[in-house]
Amino acid sequence: MDAAALLPAKPRETIEEFRPGDTARVNVMIREGERERVQAFEGTILRGSHRKDHIPLAGYTFTVRRVSYGIGVERTFLLNSPLIDSVLVTRKGKVKRARLYYLRGLTGKKARIKERR
């Protein structure tokens, strides 16, 4: 039995379409003891994409990178996870690659991505 048969896949309205190079804000549910709160993680999408007309597979992931206090932080999220509250695209990037791992070695102006209009 595969994972796709165990988890029901259905489209989620709170997740916008995104591609690598886009800047997105991922709102994640955080549990602290018995309390729950929503925490935002905003950064550039390094890999993974989502389209409204496609239902993602059970193990589909995407990676978001941001620089916090001079240190690069990357988080990989499961797209079908119930802990993801929403994904909001704040800026669309224009890139020619599907995986932007080269951004790990760049800082400052060199790490900029042009905007797609």
N, C-alpha and C. Protein backbone atom coordinates (compact mmCIF):
# COMPACT_ATOMS: atom_id res chain seq x y z
N MET A 1 0.85 -1.19 0.00
CA MET A 1 0.00 0.00 0.00
C MET A 1 0.89 1.24 0.00
N ASP A 2 0.53 2.21 -0.79
CA ASP A 2 1.35 3.41 -0.88
C ASP A 2 0.73 4.54 -0.05
N ALA A 3 1.50 5.61 0.14
CA ALA A 3 1.06 6.72 0.98
C ALA A 3 -0.09 7.49 0.36
N ALA A 4 -0.17 7.50 -0.97
CA ALA A 4 -1.24 8.24 -1.64
C ALA A 4 -2.61 7.63 -1.35
N ALA A 5 -2.64 6.32 -1.10
CA ALA A 5 -3.92 5.67 -0.81
C ALA A 5 -4.36 5.93 0.63
N LEU A 6 -3.43 6.19 1.53
CA LEU A 6 -3.77 6.40 2.94
C LEU A 6 -4.30 7.80 3.22
N LEU A 7 -3.73 8.80 2.58
CA LEU A 7 -4.12 10.18 2.84
C LEU A 7 -5.06 10.69 1.75
N PRO A 8 -6.20 11.22 2.13
CA PRO A 8 -7.09 11.77 1.10
C PRO A 8 -6.53 13.10 0.58
N ALA A 9 -6.33 13.17 -0.71
CA ALA A 9 -5.77 14.39 -1.32
C ALA A 9 -6.92 15.23 -1.84
N LYS A 10 -6.96 16.49 -1.39
CA LYS A 10 -7.97 17.40 -1.87
C LYS A 10 -7.35 18.79 -1.99
N PRO A 11 -7.81 19.60 -2.91
CA PRO A 11 -7.24 20.94 -3.06
C PRO A 11 -7.56 21.82 -1.86
N ARG A 12 -6.62 22.68 -1.49
CA ARG A 12 -6.82 23.59 -0.36
C ARG A 12 -6.88 25.01 -0.88
N GLU A 13 -7.89 25.73 -0.43
CA GLU A 13 -8.11 27.09 -0.91
C GLU A 13 -7.15 28.10 -0.29
N THR A 14 -6.54 27.77 0.86
CA THR A 14 -5.68 28.72 1.55
C THR A 14 -4.25 28.71 1.02
N ILE A 15 -3.95 27.83 0.07
CA ILE A 15 -2.61 27.76 -0.50
C ILE A 15 -2.66 28.32 -1.91
N GLU A 16 -1.94 29.42 -2.11
CA GLU A 16 -1.89 30.06 -3.43
C GLU A 16 -0.93 29.32 -4.35
N GLU A 17 -1.01 29.64 -5.64
CA GLU A 17 -0.06 29.10 -6.60
C GLU A 17 1.30 29.72 -6.37
N PHE A 18 2.35 28.89 -6.43
CA PHE A 18 3.71 29.42 -6.27
C PHE A 18 4.66 28.60 -7.11
N ARG A 19 5.81 29.22 -7.40
CA ARG A 19 6.89 28.61 -8.18
C ARG A 19 8.21 28.94 -7.51
N PRO A 20 9.30 28.25 -7.90
CA PRO A 20 10.61 28.63 -7.36
C PRO A 20 10.95 30.07 -7.74
N GLY A 21 11.54 30.79 -6.82
CA GLY A 21 11.88 32.20 -7.02
C GLY A 21 10.87 33.14 -6.41
N ASP A 22 9.67 32.66 -6.13
CA ASP A 22 8.66 33.51 -5.50
C ASP A 22 9.00 33.72 -4.03
N THR A 23 8.62 34.87 -3.51
CA THR A 23 8.73 35.12 -2.09
C THR A 23 7.37 34.85 -1.47
N ALA A 24 7.35 33.97 -0.48
CA ALA A 24 6.07 33.54 0.08
C ALA A 24 6.11 33.62 1.60
N ARG A 25 4.93 33.81 2.19
CA ARG A 25 4.76 33.78 3.63
C ARG A 25 3.98 32.51 3.97
N VAL A 26 4.63 31.60 4.69
CA VAL A 26 4.00 30.34 5.09
C VAL A 26 3.57 30.48 6.54
N ASN A 27 2.28 30.41 6.79
CA ASN A 27 1.75 30.48 8.15
C ASN A 27 1.63 29.06 8.69
N VAL A 28 2.38 28.79 9.78
CA VAL A 28 2.49 27.45 10.34
C VAL A 28 1.90 27.45 11.75
N MET A 29 1.15 26.39 12.05
CA MET A 29 0.61 26.23 13.41
C MET A 29 1.73 25.73 14.32
N ILE A 30 1.93 26.41 15.44
CA ILE A 30 2.95 26.05 16.43
C ILE A 30 2.23 25.66 17.71
N ARG A 31 2.59 24.51 18.26
CA ARG A 31 1.99 24.06 19.52
C ARG A 31 3.00 24.28 20.64
N GLU A 32 2.58 25.02 21.64
CA GLU A 32 3.41 25.26 22.83
C GLU A 32 2.62 24.80 24.04
N GLY A 33 2.89 23.60 24.49
CA GLY A 33 2.11 23.05 25.58
C GLY A 33 0.70 22.74 25.10
N GLU A 34 -0.27 23.38 25.71
CA GLU A 34 -1.66 23.18 25.29
C GLU A 34 -2.16 24.28 24.38
N ARG A 35 -1.34 25.33 24.17
CA ARG A 35 -1.76 26.45 23.32
C ARG A 35 -1.30 26.24 21.90
N GLU A 36 -2.05 26.82 20.98
CA GLU A 36 -1.67 26.82 19.58
C GLU A 36 -1.66 28.25 19.07
N ARG A 37 -0.69 28.53 18.21
CA ARG A 37 -0.63 29.85 17.60
C ARG A 37 -0.10 29.70 16.18
N VAL A 38 -0.28 30.75 15.39
CA VAL A 38 0.19 30.75 14.01
C VAL A 38 1.45 31.60 13.92
N GLN A 39 2.50 31.04 13.34
CA GLN A 39 3.75 31.76 13.16
C GLN A 39 4.08 31.80 11.67
N ALA A 40 4.48 32.97 11.18
CA ALA A 40 4.78 33.14 9.77
C ALA A 40 6.27 32.91 9.52
N PHE A 41 6.56 32.25 8.40
CA PHE A 41 7.93 32.06 7.93
C PHE A 41 7.95 32.57 6.50
N GLU A 42 8.65 33.69 6.27
CA GLU A 42 8.66 34.32 4.95
C GLU A 42 10.04 34.23 4.34
N GLY A 43 10.08 33.82 3.07
CA GLY A 43 11.35 33.72 2.38
C GLY A 43 11.15 33.32 0.93
N THR A 44 12.26 33.03 0.28
CA THR A 44 12.26 32.66 -1.13
C THR A 44 12.06 31.15 -1.27
N ILE A 45 11.22 30.75 -2.20
CA ILE A 45 10.99 29.33 -2.44
C ILE A 45 12.14 28.80 -3.29
N LEU A 46 12.89 27.84 -2.73
CA LEU A 46 14.03 27.27 -3.43
C LEU A 46 13.61 26.14 -4.36
N ARG A 47 12.68 25.33 -3.93
CA ARG A 47 12.24 24.23 -4.77
C ARG A 47 10.79 23.89 -4.45
N GLY A 48 10.11 23.31 -5.42
CA GLY A 48 8.72 22.95 -5.26
C GLY A 48 7.81 24.01 -5.85
N SER A 49 6.64 23.56 -6.30
CA SER A 49 5.68 24.49 -6.86
C SER A 49 4.29 23.96 -6.58
N HIS A 50 3.30 24.80 -6.79
CA HIS A 50 1.92 24.39 -6.56
C HIS A 50 1.03 25.14 -7.54
N ARG A 51 0.11 24.40 -8.17
CA ARG A 51 -0.88 25.00 -9.05
C ARG A 51 -2.26 24.62 -8.54
N LYS A 52 -3.19 25.52 -8.72
CA LYS A 52 -4.54 25.32 -8.19
C LYS A 52 -5.25 24.12 -8.82
N ASP A 53 -4.98 23.86 -10.10
CA ASP A 53 -5.72 22.81 -10.80
C ASP A 53 -5.13 21.41 -10.56
N HIS A 54 -4.00 21.30 -9.85
CA HIS A 54 -3.39 20.01 -9.56
C HIS A 54 -3.54 19.67 -8.08
N ILE A 55 -3.88 18.43 -7.80
CA ILE A 55 -3.93 17.95 -6.41
C ILE A 55 -2.56 17.35 -6.10
N PRO A 56 -1.85 17.87 -5.09
CA PRO A 56 -0.49 17.38 -4.81
C PRO A 56 -0.52 15.98 -4.21
N LEU A 57 0.55 15.24 -4.43
CA LEU A 57 0.68 13.91 -3.86
C LEU A 57 0.92 13.99 -2.36
N ALA A 58 0.86 12.86 -1.70
CA ALA A 58 0.90 12.82 -0.24
C ALA A 58 2.23 13.32 0.33
N GLY A 59 3.35 12.98 -0.28
CA GLY A 59 4.65 13.34 0.27
C GLY A 59 5.28 14.55 -0.38
N TYR A 60 4.50 15.39 -1.04
CA TYR A 60 5.04 16.52 -1.79
C TYR A 60 5.53 17.61 -0.85
N THR A 61 6.76 18.09 -1.07
CA THR A 61 7.35 19.10 -0.19
C THR A 61 7.83 20.30 -1.00
N PHE A 62 8.01 21.40 -0.29
CA PHE A 62 8.64 22.59 -0.86
C PHE A 62 9.53 23.21 0.19
N THR A 63 10.58 23.90 -0.26
CA THR A 63 11.58 24.47 0.65
C THR A 63 11.58 25.98 0.54
N VAL A 64 11.61 26.64 1.70
CA VAL A 64 11.63 28.10 1.78
C VAL A 64 12.89 28.52 2.52
N ARG A 65 13.59 29.53 1.98
CA ARG A 65 14.85 30.01 2.58
C ARG A 65 14.73 31.49 2.89
N ARG A 66 15.24 31.87 4.05
CA ARG A 66 15.34 33.28 4.40
C ARG A 66 16.64 33.49 5.16
N VAL A 67 17.08 34.73 5.20
CA VAL A 67 18.28 35.09 5.93
C VAL A 67 17.86 35.85 7.17
N SER A 68 18.20 35.31 8.33
CA SER A 68 17.82 35.91 9.60
C SER A 68 19.08 36.23 10.39
N TYR A 69 19.32 37.51 10.64
CA TYR A 69 20.49 37.98 11.38
C TYR A 69 21.79 37.47 10.73
N GLY A 70 21.84 37.47 9.40
CA GLY A 70 23.04 37.09 8.69
C GLY A 70 23.23 35.59 8.51
N ILE A 71 22.30 34.78 8.98
CA ILE A 71 22.40 33.33 8.88
C ILE A 71 21.26 32.82 8.02
N GLY A 72 21.57 32.00 7.02
CA GLY A 72 20.53 31.44 6.16
C GLY A 72 19.77 30.33 6.87
N VAL A 73 18.46 30.41 6.83
CA VAL A 73 17.59 29.42 7.47
C VAL A 73 16.68 28.84 6.39
N GLU A 74 16.67 27.52 6.28
CA GLU A 74 15.80 26.85 5.32
C GLU A 74 14.85 25.92 6.05
N ARG A 75 13.60 25.93 5.61
CA ARG A 75 12.61 25.01 6.17
C ARG A 75 11.93 24.28 5.03
N THR A 76 11.73 23.00 5.20
CA THR A 76 11.03 22.18 4.22
C THR A 76 9.66 21.85 4.80
N PHE A 77 8.62 22.13 4.03
CA PHE A 77 7.25 21.94 4.47
C PHE A 77 6.58 20.87 3.63
N LEU A 78 5.73 20.08 4.26
CA LEU A 78 4.84 19.18 3.53
C LEU A 78 3.64 19.98 3.08
N LEU A 79 3.31 19.90 1.81
CA LEU A 79 2.22 20.70 1.27
C LEU A 79 0.87 20.27 1.82
N ASN A 80 0.69 18.98 2.09
CA ASN A 80 -0.58 18.47 2.59
C ASN A 80 -0.66 18.45 4.11
N SER A 81 0.31 19.02 4.80
CA SER A 81 0.33 18.97 6.25
C SER A 81 -0.81 19.79 6.85
N PRO A 82 -1.47 19.27 7.87
CA PRO A 82 -2.51 20.06 8.55
C PRO A 82 -1.93 21.20 9.38
N LEU A 83 -0.61 21.20 9.60
CA LEU A 83 0.02 22.27 10.36
C LEU A 83 0.21 23.53 9.53
N ILE A 84 0.12 23.43 8.21
CA ILE A 84 0.24 24.62 7.36
C ILE A 84 -1.13 25.28 7.29
N ASP A 85 -1.18 26.51 7.79
CA ASP A 85 -2.43 27.25 7.80
C ASP A 85 -2.70 27.86 6.43
N SER A 86 -1.68 28.53 5.86
CA SER A 86 -1.85 29.14 4.54
C SER A 86 -0.48 29.45 3.96
N VAL A 87 -0.46 29.64 2.64
CA VAL A 87 0.74 30.06 1.91
C VAL A 87 0.32 31.26 1.07
N LEU A 88 0.93 32.41 1.33
CA LEU A 88 0.62 33.65 0.62
C LEU A 88 1.84 34.11 -0.17
N VAL A 89 1.69 34.32 -1.45
CA VAL A 89 2.80 34.79 -2.28
C VAL A 89 2.82 36.31 -2.21
N THR A 90 3.94 36.87 -1.76
CA THR A 90 4.07 38.32 -1.64
C THR A 90 4.77 38.94 -2.84
N ARG A 91 5.59 38.14 -3.56
CA ARG A 91 6.33 38.66 -4.70
C ARG A 91 6.64 37.51 -5.64
N LYS A 92 6.44 37.72 -6.93
CA LYS A 92 6.71 36.68 -7.91
C LYS A 92 8.10 36.90 -8.50
N GLY A 93 8.92 35.85 -8.51
CA GLY A 93 10.29 35.95 -9.00
C GLY A 93 10.45 35.38 -10.39
N LYS A 94 11.40 35.92 -11.12
CA LYS A 94 11.68 35.49 -12.48
C LYS A 94 13.01 34.72 -12.47
N VAL A 95 12.93 33.40 -12.58
CA VAL A 95 14.13 32.55 -12.56
C VAL A 95 14.04 31.56 -13.71
N LYS A 96 15.19 30.98 -14.06
CA LYS A 96 15.25 30.03 -15.17
C LYS A 96 15.51 28.61 -14.71
N ARG A 97 15.48 28.37 -13.44
CA ARG A 97 15.79 27.04 -12.92
C ARG A 97 14.67 26.55 -12.02
N ALA A 98 14.63 25.23 -11.82
CA ALA A 98 13.61 24.63 -10.97
C ALA A 98 14.08 24.54 -9.53
N ARG A 99 15.39 24.51 -9.33
CA ARG A 99 15.94 24.43 -7.98
C ARG A 99 16.98 25.53 -7.83
N LEU A 100 16.80 26.35 -6.83
CA LEU A 100 17.64 27.55 -6.67
C LEU A 100 18.68 27.38 -5.57
N TYR A 101 19.37 26.24 -5.58
CA TYR A 101 20.35 25.98 -4.54
C TYR A 101 21.55 26.91 -4.64
N TYR A 102 21.74 27.54 -5.79
CA TYR A 102 22.87 28.46 -5.94
C TYR A 102 22.72 29.69 -5.06
N LEU A 103 21.53 29.98 -4.57
CA LEU A 103 21.33 31.14 -3.69
C LEU A 103 22.01 30.95 -2.33
N ARG A 104 22.33 29.72 -1.98
CA ARG A 104 22.97 29.47 -0.69
C ARG A 104 24.35 30.12 -0.60
N GLY A 105 25.04 30.25 -1.72
CA GLY A 105 26.37 30.82 -1.72
C GLY A 105 26.41 32.30 -2.01
N LEU A 106 25.25 32.94 -2.20
CA LEU A 106 25.21 34.36 -2.56
C LEU A 106 24.67 35.19 -1.41
N THR A 107 25.18 36.43 -1.32
CA THR A 107 24.69 37.36 -0.30
C THR A 107 24.52 38.73 -0.92
N GLY A 108 23.74 39.56 -0.31
CA GLY A 108 23.58 40.94 -0.74
C GLY A 108 22.88 41.08 -2.07
N LYS A 109 23.41 42.00 -2.91
CA LYS A 109 22.78 42.27 -4.20
C LYS A 109 22.85 41.08 -5.16
N LYS A 110 23.84 40.23 -5.00
CA LYS A 110 23.97 39.07 -5.88
C LYS A 110 22.85 38.06 -5.66
N ALA A 111 22.25 38.08 -4.49
CA ALA A 111 21.20 37.12 -4.17
C ALA A 111 19.81 37.63 -4.59
N ARG A 112 19.76 38.77 -5.26
CA ARG A 112 18.45 39.31 -5.67
C ARG A 112 17.87 38.49 -6.81
N ILE A 113 16.54 38.47 -6.85
CA ILE A 113 15.81 37.81 -7.94
C ILE A 113 14.91 38.86 -8.58
N LYS A 114 14.94 38.93 -9.92
CA LYS A 114 14.11 39.90 -10.61
C LYS A 114 12.64 39.54 -10.44
N GLU A 115 11.79 40.55 -10.57
CA GLU A 115 10.37 40.33 -10.39
C GLU A 115 9.69 39.99 -11.71
N ARG A 116 8.80 38.99 -11.66
CA ARG A 116 8.03 38.58 -12.82
C ARG A 116 6.76 39.40 -12.87
N ARG A 117 6.46 39.96 -14.04
CA ARG A 117 5.26 40.81 -14.16
C ARG A 117 4.21 40.16 -14.99
